[in-house]
Amino acid sequence: KRRGEIDGVEQLTRYLELLNADPHLRPVQGIF
């Protein structure tokens, strides 16, 4: 993001939930 706000963190959280459900990818960490 150009400007990081709470909505961006929530968005990344949702992505991480889906990515970590994939056994070929997990564990997946997140960076904002």
PDB file of all heavy atoms in Angstrom:
ATOM      1  N   LYS A   1       0.845  -1.187   0.000  1.00  0.00           N
ATOM      2  CA  LYS A   1       0.000   0.000   0.000  1.00  0.00           C
ATOM      3  C   LYS A   1       0.885   1.244   0.000  1.00  0.00           C
ATOM      4  O   LYS A   1       2.015   1.216   0.472  1.00  0.00           O
ATOM      5  CB  LYS A   1      -0.899   0.048   1.243  1.00  0.00           C
ATOM      6  CG  LYS A   1      -1.851  -1.122   1.393  1.00  0.00           C
ATOM      7  CD  LYS A   1      -2.923  -1.109   0.327  1.00  0.00           C
ATOM      8  CE  LYS A   1      -3.932  -2.237   0.519  1.00  0.00           C
ATOM      9  NZ  LYS A   1      -4.882  -2.335  -0.604  1.00  0.00           N
ATOM     10  N   ARG A   2       0.359   2.308  -0.549  1.00  0.00           N
ATOM     11  CA  ARG A   2       1.072   3.581  -0.415  1.00  0.00           C
ATOM     12  C   ARG A   2       0.938   4.083   1.017  1.00  0.00           C
ATOM     13  O   ARG A   2       1.888   4.549   1.619  1.00  0.00           O
ATOM     14  CB  ARG A   2       0.506   4.606  -1.397  1.00  0.00           C
ATOM     15  CG  ARG A   2       1.225   5.950  -1.384  1.00  0.00           C
ATOM     16  CD  ARG A   2       0.743   6.818  -2.523  1.00  0.00           C
ATOM     17  NE  ARG A   2      -0.664   7.158  -2.394  1.00  0.00           N
ATOM     18  CZ  ARG A   2      -1.104   8.188  -1.661  1.00  0.00           C
ATOM     19  NH1 ARG A   2      -0.265   8.954  -1.000  1.00  0.00           N
ATOM     20  NH2 ARG A   2      -2.395   8.439  -1.598  1.00  0.00           N
ATOM     21  N   ARG A   3      -0.266   3.936   1.539  1.00  0.00           N
ATOM     22  CA  ARG A   3      -0.551   4.361   2.916  1.00  0.00           C
ATOM     23  C   ARG A   3      -1.216   3.191   3.627  1.00  0.00           C
ATOM     24  O   ARG A   3      -2.298   2.741   3.221  1.00  0.00           O
ATOM     25  CB  ARG A   3      -1.477   5.569   2.866  1.00  0.00           C
ATOM     26  CG  ARG A   3      -1.802   6.171   4.194  1.00  0.00           C
ATOM     27  CD  ARG A   3      -2.473   7.493   3.923  1.00  0.00           C
ATOM     28  NE  ARG A   3      -3.137   7.995   5.102  1.00  0.00           N
ATOM     29  CZ  ARG A   3      -3.441   9.275   5.273  1.00  0.00           C
ATOM     30  NH1 ARG A   3      -3.116  10.136   4.343  1.00  0.00           N
ATOM     31  NH2 ARG A   3      -4.053   9.676   6.346  1.00  0.00           N
ATOM     32  N   GLY A   4      -0.580   2.661   4.633  1.00  0.00           N
ATOM     33  CA  GLY A   4      -1.075   1.466   5.296  1.00  0.00           C
ATOM     34  C   GLY A   4      -2.085   1.768   6.382  1.00  0.00           C
ATOM     35  O   GLY A   4      -1.774   2.444   7.359  1.00  0.00           O
ATOM     36  N   GLU A   5      -3.290   1.244   6.222  1.00  0.00           N
ATOM     37  CA  GLU A   5      -4.346   1.444   7.212  1.00  0.00           C
ATOM     38  C   GLU A   5      -4.938   0.095   7.605  1.00  0.00           C
ATOM     39  O   GLU A   5      -4.572  -0.957   7.063  1.00  0.00           O
ATOM     40  CB  GLU A   5      -5.410   2.386   6.656  1.00  0.00           C
ATOM     41  CG  GLU A   5      -4.841   3.752   6.284  1.00  0.00           C
ATOM     42  CD  GLU A   5      -5.913   4.746   5.881  1.00  0.00           C
ATOM     43  OE1 GLU A   5      -7.119   4.417   5.999  1.00  0.00           O
ATOM     44  OE2 GLU A   5      -5.557   5.851   5.440  1.00  0.00           O
ATOM     45  N   ILE A   6      -5.866   0.126   8.551  1.00  0.00           N
ATOM     46  CA  ILE A   6      -6.439  -1.106   9.102  1.00  0.00           C
ATOM     47  C   ILE A   6      -7.065  -1.978   8.016  1.00  0.00           C
ATOM     48  O   ILE A   6      -6.944  -3.201   8.035  1.00  0.00           O
ATOM     49  CB  ILE A   6      -7.468  -0.762  10.200  1.00  0.00           C
ATOM     50  CG1 ILE A   6      -6.736  -0.345  11.485  1.00  0.00           C
ATOM     51  CG2 ILE A   6      -8.391  -1.931  10.482  1.00  0.00           C
ATOM     52  CD1 ILE A   6      -7.653   0.090  12.607  1.00  0.00           C
ATOM     53  N   ASP A   7      -7.726  -1.362   7.028  1.00  0.00           N
ATOM     54  CA  ASP A   7      -8.369  -2.137   5.962  1.00  0.00           C
ATOM     55  C   ASP A   7      -7.359  -3.012   5.225  1.00  0.00           C
ATOM     56  O   ASP A   7      -7.672  -4.141   4.829  1.00  0.00           O
ATOM     57  CB  ASP A   7      -9.052  -1.202   4.969  1.00  0.00           C
ATOM     58  CG  ASP A   7     -10.335  -0.605   5.512  1.00  0.00           C
ATOM     59  OD1 ASP A   7     -10.769  -1.061   6.590  1.00  0.00           O
ATOM     60  OD2 ASP A   7     -10.899   0.305   4.889  1.00  0.00           O
ATOM     61  N   GLY A   8      -6.136  -2.480   5.033  1.00  0.00           N
ATOM     62  CA  GLY A   8      -5.108  -3.253   4.351  1.00  0.00           C
ATOM     63  C   GLY A   8      -4.668  -4.459   5.153  1.00  0.00           C
ATOM     64  O   GLY A   8      -4.394  -5.533   4.595  1.00  0.00           O
ATOM     65  N   VAL A   9      -4.606  -4.303   6.471  1.00  0.00           N
ATOM     66  CA  VAL A   9      -4.240  -5.426   7.346  1.00  0.00           C
ATOM     67  C   VAL A   9      -5.328  -6.498   7.301  1.00  0.00           C
ATOM     68  O   VAL A   9      -5.035  -7.696   7.224  1.00  0.00           O
ATOM     69  CB  VAL A   9      -4.018  -4.946   8.793  1.00  0.00           C
ATOM     70  CG1 VAL A   9      -3.695  -6.122   9.717  1.00  0.00           C
ATOM     71  CG2 VAL A   9      -2.889  -3.913   8.852  1.00  0.00           C
ATOM     72  N   GLU A  10      -6.576  -6.054   7.335  1.00  0.00           N
ATOM     73  CA  GLU A  10      -7.690  -7.001   7.255  1.00  0.00           C
ATOM     74  C   GLU A  10      -7.670  -7.757   5.926  1.00  0.00           C
ATOM     75  O   GLU A  10      -7.908  -8.967   5.871  1.00  0.00           O
ATOM     76  CB  GLU A  10      -9.027  -6.261   7.403  1.00  0.00           C
ATOM     77  CG  GLU A  10      -9.254  -5.624   8.770  1.00  0.00           C
ATOM     78  CD  GLU A  10      -9.626  -6.634   9.835  1.00  0.00           C
ATOM     79  OE1 GLU A  10      -9.561  -7.844   9.571  1.00  0.00           O
ATOM     80  OE2 GLU A  10      -9.986  -6.215  10.943  1.00  0.00           O
ATOM     81  N   GLN A  11      -7.360  -7.044   4.856  1.00  0.00           N
ATOM     82  CA  GLN A  11      -7.277  -7.665   3.537  1.00  0.00           C
ATOM     83  C   GLN A  11      -6.195  -8.736   3.505  1.00  0.00           C
ATOM     84  O   GLN A  11      -6.419  -9.861   3.033  1.00  0.00           O
ATOM     85  CB  GLN A  11      -6.984  -6.578   2.497  1.00  0.00           C
ATOM     86  CG  GLN A  11      -6.928  -7.068   1.070  1.00  0.00           C
ATOM     87  CD  GLN A  11      -6.606  -5.933   0.103  1.00  0.00           C
ATOM     88  OE1 GLN A  11      -6.349  -4.797   0.488  1.00  0.00           O
ATOM     89  NE2 GLN A  11      -6.608  -6.249  -1.177  1.00  0.00           N
ATOM     90  N   LEU A  12      -5.021  -8.416   4.025  1.00  0.00           N
ATOM     91  CA  LEU A  12      -3.919  -9.383   4.054  1.00  0.00           C
ATOM     92  C   LEU A  12      -4.260 -10.571   4.942  1.00  0.00           C
ATOM     93  O   LEU A  12      -3.918 -11.721   4.617  1.00  0.00           O
ATOM     94  CB  LEU A  12      -2.636  -8.705   4.535  1.00  0.00           C
ATOM     95  CG  LEU A  12      -1.392  -9.589   4.641  1.00  0.00           C
ATOM     96  CD1 LEU A  12      -1.100 -10.313   3.333  1.00  0.00           C
ATOM     97  CD2 LEU A  12      -0.183  -8.765   5.085  1.00  0.00           C
ATOM     98  N   THR A  13      -4.952 -10.335   6.037  1.00  0.00           N
ATOM     99  CA  THR A  13      -5.359 -11.421   6.929  1.00  0.00           C
ATOM    100  C   THR A  13      -6.228 -12.437   6.193  1.00  0.00           C
ATOM    101  O   THR A  13      -6.054 -13.654   6.331  1.00  0.00           O
ATOM    102  CB  THR A  13      -6.139 -10.860   8.140  1.00  0.00           C
ATOM    103  OG1 THR A  13      -5.295  -9.962   8.873  1.00  0.00           O
ATOM    104  CG2 THR A  13      -6.591 -11.980   9.064  1.00  0.00           C
ATOM    105  N   ARG A  14      -7.152 -11.942   5.383  1.00  0.00           N
ATOM    106  CA  ARG A  14      -8.031 -12.848   4.617  1.00  0.00           C
ATOM    107  C   ARG A  14      -7.226 -13.649   3.598  1.00  0.00           C
ATOM    108  O   ARG A  14      -7.463 -14.844   3.401  1.00  0.00           O
ATOM    109  CB  ARG A  14      -9.142 -12.042   3.938  1.00  0.00           C
ATOM    110  CG  ARG A  14     -10.131 -11.408   4.903  1.00  0.00           C
ATOM    111  CD  ARG A  14     -11.348 -10.863   4.179  1.00  0.00           C
ATOM    112  NE  ARG A  14     -11.035  -9.717   3.340  1.00  0.00           N
ATOM    113  CZ  ARG A  14     -11.064  -8.456   3.747  1.00  0.00           C
ATOM    114  NH1 ARG A  14     -11.371  -8.177   5.011  1.00  0.00           N
ATOM    115  NH2 ARG A  14     -10.788  -7.475   2.916  1.00  0.00           N
ATOM    116  N   TYR A  15      -6.274 -12.987   2.944  1.00  0.00           N
ATOM    117  CA  TYR A  15      -5.421 -13.702   1.989  1.00  0.00           C
ATOM    118  C   TYR A  15      -4.632 -14.804   2.695  1.00  0.00           C
ATOM    119  O   TYR A  15      -4.502 -15.926   2.183  1.00  0.00           O
ATOM    120  CB  TYR A  15      -4.438 -12.739   1.326  1.00  0.00           C
ATOM    121  CG  TYR A  15      -5.050 -11.777   0.341  1.00  0.00           C
ATOM    122  CD1 TYR A  15      -4.529 -10.495   0.181  1.00  0.00           C
ATOM    123  CD2 TYR A  15      -6.137 -12.134  -0.456  1.00  0.00           C
ATOM    124  CE1 TYR A  15      -5.069  -9.597  -0.740  1.00  0.00           C
ATOM    125  CE2 TYR A  15      -6.683 -11.241  -1.364  1.00  0.00           C
ATOM    126  CZ  TYR A  15      -6.146  -9.976  -1.498  1.00  0.00           C
ATOM    127  OH  TYR A  15      -6.679  -9.098  -2.410  1.00  0.00           O
ATOM    128  N   LEU A  16      -4.083 -14.498   3.862  1.00  0.00           N
ATOM    129  CA  LEU A  16      -3.261 -15.472   4.587  1.00  0.00           C
ATOM    130  C   LEU A  16      -4.073 -16.690   4.995  1.00  0.00           C
ATOM    131  O   LEU A  16      -3.569 -17.818   4.966  1.00  0.00           O
ATOM    132  CB  LEU A  16      -2.628 -14.812   5.811  1.00  0.00           C
ATOM    133  CG  LEU A  16      -1.499 -13.816   5.513  1.00  0.00           C
ATOM    134  CD1 LEU A  16      -1.107 -13.057   6.782  1.00  0.00           C
ATOM    135  CD2 LEU A  16      -0.284 -14.543   4.942  1.00  0.00           C
ATOM    136  N   GLU A  17      -5.326 -16.468   5.370  1.00  0.00           N
ATOM    137  CA  GLU A  17      -6.188 -17.595   5.739  1.00  0.00           C
ATOM    138  C   GLU A  17      -6.346 -18.556   4.566  1.00  0.00           C
ATOM    139  O   GLU A  17      -6.273 -19.780   4.728  1.00  0.00           O
ATOM    140  CB  GLU A  17      -7.558 -17.078   6.189  1.00  0.00           C
ATOM    141  CG  GLU A  17      -7.541 -16.394   7.558  1.00  0.00           C
ATOM    142  CD  GLU A  17      -8.891 -15.828   7.930  1.00  0.00           C
ATOM    143  OE1 GLU A  17      -9.828 -15.927   7.101  1.00  0.00           O
ATOM    144  OE2 GLU A  17      -9.023 -15.276   9.037  1.00  0.00           O
ATOM    145  N   LEU A  18      -6.537 -18.003   3.374  1.00  0.00           N
ATOM    146  CA  LEU A  18      -6.705 -18.847   2.187  1.00  0.00           C
ATOM    147  C   LEU A  18      -5.392 -19.503   1.771  1.00  0.00           C
ATOM    148  O   LEU A  18      -5.356 -20.683   1.428  1.00  0.00           O
ATOM    149  CB  LEU A  18      -7.247 -17.999   1.039  1.00  0.00           C
ATOM    150  CG  LEU A  18      -8.699 -17.536   1.189  1.00  0.00           C
ATOM    151  CD1 LEU A  18      -9.052 -16.523   0.125  1.00  0.00           C
ATOM    152  CD2 LEU A  18      -9.651 -18.721   1.109  1.00  0.00           C
ATOM    153  N   LEU A  19      -4.305 -18.756   1.805  1.00  0.00           N
ATOM    154  CA  LEU A  19      -3.010 -19.305   1.412  1.00  0.00           C
ATOM    155  C   LEU A  19      -2.564 -20.414   2.350  1.00  0.00           C
ATOM    156  O   LEU A  19      -1.992 -21.427   1.918  1.00  0.00           O
ATOM    157  CB  LEU A  19      -1.958 -18.184   1.374  1.00  0.00           C
ATOM    158  CG  LEU A  19      -2.152 -17.119   0.276  1.00  0.00           C
ATOM    159  CD1 LEU A  19      -1.199 -15.960   0.506  1.00  0.00           C
ATOM    160  CD2 LEU A  19      -1.937 -17.721  -1.106  1.00  0.00           C
ATOM    161  N   ASN A  20      -2.833 -20.258   3.629  1.00  0.00           N
ATOM    162  CA  ASN A  20      -2.432 -21.273   4.607  1.00  0.00           C
ATOM    163  C   ASN A  20      -3.326 -22.506   4.571  1.00  0.00           C
ATOM    164  O   ASN A  20      -3.004 -23.523   5.192  1.00  0.00           O
ATOM    165  CB  ASN A  20      -2.407 -20.672   6.015  1.00  0.00           C
ATOM    166  CG  ASN A  20      -1.093 -19.967   6.305  1.00  0.00           C
ATOM    167  OD1 ASN A  20      -0.029 -20.587   6.304  1.00  0.00           O
ATOM    168  ND2 ASN A  20      -1.159 -18.670   6.542  1.00  0.00           N
ATOM    169  N   ALA A  21      -4.427 -22.422   3.837  1.00  0.00           N
ATOM    170  CA  ALA A  21      -5.276 -23.604   3.649  1.00  0.00           C
ATOM    171  C   ALA A  21      -4.730 -24.500   2.540  1.00  0.00           C
ATOM    172  O   ALA A  21      -5.185 -25.629   2.372  1.00  0.00           O
ATOM    173  CB  ALA A  21      -6.710 -23.171   3.325  1.00  0.00           C
ATOM    174  N   ASP A  22      -3.742 -23.980   1.778  1.00  0.00           N
ATOM    175  CA  ASP A  22      -3.142 -24.742   0.690  1.00  0.00           C
ATOM    176  C   ASP A  22      -1.930 -25.509   1.219  1.00  0.00           C
ATOM    177  O   ASP A  22      -0.931 -24.900   1.619  1.00  0.00           O
ATOM    178  CB  ASP A  22      -2.711 -23.777  -0.424  1.00  0.00           C
ATOM    179  CG  ASP A  22      -2.194 -24.498  -1.668  1.00  0.00           C
ATOM    180  OD1 ASP A  22      -1.795 -25.673  -1.563  1.00  0.00           O
ATOM    181  OD2 ASP A  22      -2.175 -23.878  -2.743  1.00  0.00           O
ATOM    182  N   PRO A  23      -1.977 -26.828   1.231  1.00  0.00           N
ATOM    183  CA  PRO A  23      -0.869 -27.616   1.786  1.00  0.00           C
ATOM    184  C   PRO A  23       0.443 -27.440   1.024  1.00  0.00           C
ATOM    185  O   PRO A  23       1.517 -27.704   1.564  1.00  0.00           O
ATOM    186  CB  PRO A  23      -1.372 -29.058   1.698  1.00  0.00           C
ATOM    187  CG  PRO A  23      -2.437 -29.042   0.646  1.00  0.00           C
ATOM    188  CD  PRO A  23      -3.066 -27.689   0.726  1.00  0.00           C
ATOM    189  N   HIS A  24       0.371 -26.966  -0.230  1.00  0.00           N
ATOM    190  CA  HIS A  24       1.587 -26.757  -1.017  1.00  0.00           C
ATOM    191  C   HIS A  24       2.287 -25.450  -0.659  1.00  0.00           C
ATOM    192  O   HIS A  24       3.439 -25.255  -1.031  1.00  0.00           O
ATOM    193  CB  HIS A  24       1.258 -26.766  -2.513  1.00  0.00           C
ATOM    194  CG  HIS A  24       0.652 -28.049  -2.987  1.00  0.00           C
ATOM    195  ND1 HIS A  24       1.355 -29.228  -3.027  1.00  0.00           N
ATOM    196  CD2 HIS A  24      -0.605 -28.332  -3.419  1.00  0.00           C
ATOM    197  CE1 HIS A  24       0.570 -30.192  -3.476  1.00  0.00           C
ATOM    198  NE2 HIS A  24      -0.626 -29.678  -3.727  1.00  0.00           N
ATOM    199  N   LEU A  25       1.588 -24.584   0.048  1.00  0.00           N
ATOM    200  CA  LEU A  25       2.153 -23.274   0.385  1.00  0.00           C
ATOM    201  C   LEU A  25       2.475 -23.111   1.872  1.00  0.00           C
ATOM    202  O   LEU A  25       3.469 -22.487   2.230  1.00  0.00           O
ATOM    203  CB  LEU A  25       1.193 -22.151  -0.034  1.00  0.00           C
ATOM    204  CG  LEU A  25       0.908 -21.991  -1.530  1.00  0.00           C
ATOM    205  CD1 LEU A  25      -0.126 -20.888  -1.745  1.00  0.00           C
ATOM    206  CD2 LEU A  25       2.185 -21.656  -2.283  1.00  0.00           C
ATOM    207  N   ARG A  26       1.602 -23.630   2.728  1.00  0.00           N
ATOM    208  CA  ARG A  26       1.761 -23.350   4.152  1.00  0.00           C
ATOM    209  C   ARG A  26       3.034 -23.961   4.728  1.00  0.00           C
ATOM    210  O   ARG A  26       3.523 -24.984   4.209  1.00  0.00           O
ATOM    211  CB  ARG A  26       0.523 -23.835   4.922  1.00  0.00           C
ATOM    212  CG  ARG A  26       0.290 -25.328   4.908  1.00  0.00           C
ATOM    213  CD  ARG A  26      -0.912 -25.648   5.795  1.00  0.00           C
ATOM    214  NE  ARG A  26      -1.177 -27.075   5.786  1.00  0.00           N
ATOM    215  CZ  ARG A  26      -2.331 -27.633   5.420  1.00  0.00           C
ATOM    216  NH1 ARG A  26      -3.328 -26.875   5.025  1.00  0.00           N
ATOM    217  NH2 ARG A  26      -2.482 -28.940   5.436  1.00  0.00           N
ATOM    218  N   PRO A  27       3.572 -23.286   5.755  1.00  0.00           N
ATOM    219  CA  PRO A  27       3.051 -22.080   6.400  1.00  0.00           C
ATOM    220  C   PRO A  27       3.427 -20.821   5.624  1.00  0.00           C
ATOM    221  O   PRO A  27       4.532 -20.704   5.115  1.00  0.00           O
ATOM    222  CB  PRO A  27       3.739 -22.099   7.759  1.00  0.00           C
ATOM    223  CG  PRO A  27       5.045 -22.774   7.508  1.00  0.00           C
ATOM    224  CD  PRO A  27       4.781 -23.804   6.445  1.00  0.00           C
ATOM    225  N   VAL A  28       2.480 -19.882   5.532  1.00  0.00           N
ATOM    226  CA  VAL A  28       2.708 -18.617   4.834  1.00  0.00           C
ATOM    227  C   VAL A  28       2.655 -17.484   5.845  1.00  0.00           C
ATOM    228  O   VAL A  28       1.663 -17.330   6.557  1.00  0.00           O
ATOM    229  CB  VAL A  28       1.638 -18.388   3.737  1.00  0.00           C
ATOM    230  CG1 VAL A  28       1.946 -17.102   2.968  1.00  0.00           C
ATOM    231  CG2 VAL A  28       1.556 -19.576   2.799  1.00  0.00           C
ATOM    232  N   GLN A  29       3.718 -16.724   5.912  1.00  0.00           N
ATOM    233  CA  GLN A  29       3.763 -15.540   6.771  1.00  0.00           C
ATOM    234  C   GLN A  29       3.293 -14.331   5.973  1.00  0.00           C
ATOM    235  O   GLN A  29       3.197 -14.368   4.742  1.00  0.00           O
ATOM    236  CB  GLN A  29       5.176 -15.315   7.292  1.00  0.00           C
ATOM    237  CG  GLN A  29       5.718 -16.441   8.152  1.00  0.00           C
ATOM    238  CD  GLN A  29       4.876 -16.652   9.408  1.00  0.00           C
ATOM    239  OE1 GLN A  29       4.543 -15.684  10.113  1.00  0.00           O
ATOM    240  NE2 GLN A  29       4.519 -17.893   9.689  1.00  0.00           N
ATOM    241  N   GLY A  30       3.025 -13.234   6.668  1.00  0.00           N
ATOM    242  CA  GLY A  30       2.544 -12.028   6.004  1.00  0.00           C
ATOM    243  C   GLY A  30       3.403 -10.816   6.289  1.00  0.00           C
ATOM    244  O   GLY A  30       3.921 -10.664   7.412  1.00  0.00           O
ATOM    245  N   ILE A  31       3.538  -9.968   5.283  1.00  0.00           N
ATOM    246  CA  ILE A  31       4.216  -8.677   5.448  1.00  0.00           C
ATOM    247  C   ILE A  31       3.298  -7.591   4.897  1.00  0.00           C
ATOM    248  O   ILE A  31       2.772  -7.704   3.787  1.00  0.00           O
ATOM    249  CB  ILE A  31       5.562  -8.634   4.701  1.00  0.00           C
ATOM    250  CG1 ILE A  31       6.576  -9.558   5.365  1.00  0.00           C
ATOM    251  CG2 ILE A  31       6.114  -7.207   4.664  1.00  0.00           C
ATOM    252  CD1 ILE A  31       7.950  -9.567   4.687  1.00  0.00           C
ATOM    253  N   PHE A  32       3.124  -6.539   5.692  1.00  0.00           N
ATOM    254  CA  PHE A  32       2.341  -5.380   5.282  1.00  0.00           C
ATOM    255  C   PHE A  32       3.333  -4.268   4.978  1.00  0.00           C
ATOM    256  O   PHE A  32       3.995  -3.746   5.879  1.00  0.00           O
ATOM    257  CB  PHE A  32       1.387  -4.985   6.409  1.00  0.00           C
ATOM    258  CG  PHE A  32       0.365  -3.953   6.034  1.00  0.00           C
ATOM    259  CD1 PHE A  32      -0.391  -4.094   4.882  1.00  0.00           C
ATOM    260  CD2 PHE A  32       0.137  -2.854   6.843  1.00  0.00           C
ATOM    261  CE1 PHE A  32      -1.344  -3.155   4.533  1.00  0.00           C
ATOM    262  CE2 PHE A  32      -0.817  -1.918   6.509  1.00  0.00           C
ATOM    263  CZ  PHE A  32      -1.567  -2.061   5.355  1.00  0.00           C
TER     264      PHE A  32
END
